[in-house]
Amino acid sequence: MTVKLTTFDPAEYLETEEDIALFMNEAFATGDYKHIAHCLGIVARAKGMTSIAKETGLAREQLYKSFSEDGNPTLKNTIAVMKALGVSLSATPTHQSA
């Protein structure tokens, strides 16, 4: 018996703003900028890369490249995409002061 496997695409499961926020919080927790950029790309695909491109004024191809596994988006582009996705960055202390 042959088992057919398919590639898992998390973009198919990001349906609500809560799903997106949880997904991105997990990405931020890694502290890995490449992983975070890639996850932003996944969320952008889930929301529709064409609409994200229109809202940000960035070329769709540039978005795909910048937010791929090997991408390295600028902070300006990252913030623009996050705004278009309806998510934001926030800072929390990593250590408690005495």
C-alpha atoms as a PDB file:
ATOM      1  CA  MET A   1       0.000   0.000   0.000  1.00  0.00           C
ATOM      2  CA  THR A   2       1.372   3.392  -1.027  1.00  0.00           C
ATOM      3  CA  VAL A   3       0.769   6.372   1.205  1.00  0.00           C
ATOM      4  CA  LYS A   4       0.506   9.736  -0.503  1.00  0.00           C
ATOM      5  CA  LEU A   5       1.904  12.613   1.518  1.00  0.00           C
ATOM      6  CA  THR A   6       1.253  16.276   0.913  1.00  0.00           C
ATOM      7  CA  THR A   7       3.145  19.338   2.024  1.00  0.00           C
ATOM      8  CA  PHE A   8       1.728  21.001   5.116  1.00  0.00           C
ATOM      9  CA  ASP A   9       0.844  24.640   4.492  1.00  0.00           C
ATOM     10  CA  PRO A  10       0.087  26.552   7.694  1.00  0.00           C
ATOM     11  CA  ALA A  11      -1.427  29.386   5.625  1.00  0.00           C
ATOM     12  CA  GLU A  12      -4.470  27.167   5.085  1.00  0.00           C
ATOM     13  CA  TYR A  13      -5.196  27.198   8.823  1.00  0.00           C
ATOM     14  CA  LEU A  14      -4.759  30.892   9.616  1.00  0.00           C
ATOM     15  CA  GLU A  15      -8.382  31.953   9.470  1.00  0.00           C
ATOM     16  CA  THR A  16      -8.881  34.426  12.313  1.00  0.00           C
ATOM     17  CA  GLU A  17      -6.953  37.339  13.763  1.00  0.00           C
ATOM     18  CA  GLU A  18      -6.455  35.231  16.882  1.00  0.00           C
ATOM     19  CA  ASP A  19      -4.923  32.424  14.777  1.00  0.00           C
ATOM     20  CA  ILE A  20      -2.559  34.922  13.182  1.00  0.00           C
ATOM     21  CA  ALA A  21      -1.585  36.532  16.495  1.00  0.00           C
ATOM     22  CA  LEU A  22      -0.861  33.142  18.088  1.00  0.00           C
ATOM     23  CA  PHE A  23       1.148  32.022  15.052  1.00  0.00           C
ATOM     24  CA  MET A  24       3.201  35.222  15.043  1.00  0.00           C
ATOM     25  CA  ASN A  25       3.754  35.196  18.819  1.00  0.00           C
ATOM     26  CA  GLU A  26       5.215  31.703  18.484  1.00  0.00           C
ATOM     27  CA  ALA A  27       7.473  32.961  15.692  1.00  0.00           C
ATOM     28  CA  PHE A  28       8.611  35.968  17.754  1.00  0.00           C
ATOM     29  CA  ALA A  29       9.370  33.675  20.690  1.00  0.00           C
ATOM     30  CA  THR A  30      12.053  31.936  18.627  1.00  0.00           C
ATOM     31  CA  GLY A  31      14.065  35.137  18.258  1.00  0.00           C
ATOM     32  CA  ASP A  32      15.121  33.916  14.797  1.00  0.00           C
ATOM     33  CA  TYR A  33      14.710  36.778  12.334  1.00  0.00           C
ATOM     34  CA  LYS A  34      14.601  34.463   9.307  1.00  0.00           C
ATOM     35  CA  HIS A  35      11.863  32.354  10.868  1.00  0.00           C
ATOM     36  CA  ILE A  36       9.892  35.459  11.826  1.00  0.00           C
ATOM     37  CA  ALA A  37      10.147  36.857   8.273  1.00  0.00           C
ATOM     38  CA  HIS A  38       9.103  33.508   6.815  1.00  0.00           C
ATOM     39  CA  CYS A  39       6.104  33.335   9.159  1.00  0.00           C
ATOM     40  CA  LEU A  40       5.060  36.845   8.134  1.00  0.00           C
ATOM     41  CA  GLY A  41       5.190  35.611   4.544  1.00  0.00           C
ATOM     42  CA  ILE A  42       2.947  32.677   5.449  1.00  0.00           C
ATOM     43  CA  VAL A  43       0.431  35.009   7.072  1.00  0.00           C
ATOM     44  CA  ALA A  44       0.580  37.341   4.058  1.00  0.00           C
ATOM     45  CA  ARG A  45      -0.191  34.386   1.768  1.00  0.00           C
ATOM     46  CA  ALA A  46      -3.088  33.402   4.029  1.00  0.00           C
ATOM     47  CA  LYS A  47      -4.528  36.919   3.778  1.00  0.00           C
ATOM     48  CA  GLY A  48      -3.769  37.253   0.058  1.00  0.00           C
ATOM     49  CA  MET A  49      -0.410  38.477  -1.167  1.00  0.00           C
ATOM     50  CA  THR A  50      -2.013  40.659  -3.855  1.00  0.00           C
ATOM     51  CA  SER A  51      -4.102  42.566  -1.331  1.00  0.00           C
ATOM     52  CA  ILE A  52      -1.096  42.946   0.990  1.00  0.00           C
ATOM     53  CA  ALA A  53       0.933  44.297  -1.937  1.00  0.00           C
ATOM     54  CA  LYS A  54      -1.769  46.841  -2.768  1.00  0.00           C
ATOM     55  CA  GLU A  55      -2.144  47.957   0.842  1.00  0.00           C
ATOM     56  CA  THR A  56       1.596  48.331   1.439  1.00  0.00           C
ATOM     57  CA  GLY A  57       2.539  49.702  -1.973  1.00  0.00           C
ATOM     58  CA  LEU A  58       5.180  46.977  -2.307  1.00  0.00           C
ATOM     59  CA  ALA A  59       5.519  44.710  -5.333  1.00  0.00           C
ATOM     60  CA  ARG A  60       4.039  41.245  -4.842  1.00  0.00           C
ATOM     61  CA  GLU A  61       7.245  39.632  -6.109  1.00  0.00           C
ATOM     62  CA  GLN A  62       9.272  41.668  -3.621  1.00  0.00           C
ATOM     63  CA  LEU A  63       7.016  40.477  -0.811  1.00  0.00           C
ATOM     64  CA  TYR A  64       7.411  36.837  -1.807  1.00  0.00           C
ATOM     65  CA  LYS A  65      11.190  37.230  -1.937  1.00  0.00           C
ATOM     66  CA  SER A  66      11.594  39.300   1.233  1.00  0.00           C
ATOM     67  CA  PHE A  67       9.329  37.108   3.346  1.00  0.00           C
ATOM     68  CA  SER A  68      10.602  33.726   2.165  1.00  0.00           C
ATOM     69  CA  GLU A  69      12.742  31.348   4.229  1.00  0.00           C
ATOM     70  CA  ASP A  70      15.852  33.011   2.802  1.00  0.00           C
ATOM     71  CA  GLY A  71      14.473  36.548   2.789  1.00  0.00           C
ATOM     72  CA  ASN A  72      15.754  39.487   4.761  1.00  0.00           C
ATOM     73  CA  PRO A  73      13.095  42.218   4.735  1.00  0.00           C
ATOM     74  CA  THR A  74      13.785  45.739   5.896  1.00  0.00           C
ATOM     75  CA  LEU A  75      12.216  46.910   9.127  1.00  0.00           C
ATOM     76  CA  LYS A  76      10.167  49.397   7.095  1.00  0.00           C
ATOM     77  CA  ASN A  77       8.697  46.611   4.949  1.00  0.00           C
ATOM     78  CA  THR A  78       8.153  44.376   7.975  1.00  0.00           C
ATOM     79  CA  ILE A  79       6.180  47.064   9.781  1.00  0.00           C
ATOM     80  CA  ALA A  80       4.165  47.864   6.628  1.00  0.00           C
ATOM     81  CA  VAL A  81       3.230  44.201   6.175  1.00  0.00           C
ATOM     82  CA  MET A  82       2.380  43.754   9.848  1.00  0.00           C
ATOM     83  CA  LYS A  83       0.123  46.813   9.708  1.00  0.00           C
ATOM     84  CA  ALA A  84      -1.607  45.420   6.614  1.00  0.00           C
ATOM     85  CA  LEU A  85      -2.060  42.099   8.422  1.00  0.00           C
ATOM     86  CA  GLY A  86      -3.568  43.769  11.473  1.00  0.00           C
ATOM     87  CA  VAL A  87      -0.824  42.735  13.889  1.00  0.00           C
ATOM     88  CA  SER A  88       1.642  44.874  15.793  1.00  0.00           C
ATOM     89  CA  LEU A  89       4.922  44.633  17.642  1.00  0.00           C
ATOM     90  CA  SER A  90       5.211  45.299  21.332  1.00  0.00           C
ATOM     91  CA  ALA A  91       8.066  45.274  23.782  1.00  0.00           C
ATOM     92  CA  THR A  92       8.192  43.409  27.060  1.00  0.00           C
ATOM     93  CA  PRO A  93      11.107  43.244  29.461  1.00  0.00           C
ATOM     94  CA  THR A  94      13.171  40.099  29.213  1.00  0.00           C
ATOM     95  CA  HIS A  95      14.440  40.443  32.775  1.00  0.00           C
ATOM     96  CA  GLN A  96      12.713  41.760  35.842  1.00  0.00           C
ATOM     97  CA  SER A  97      14.465  44.641  37.527  1.00  0.00           C
ATOM     98  CA  ALA A  98      15.209  44.434  41.233  1.00  0.00           C
END
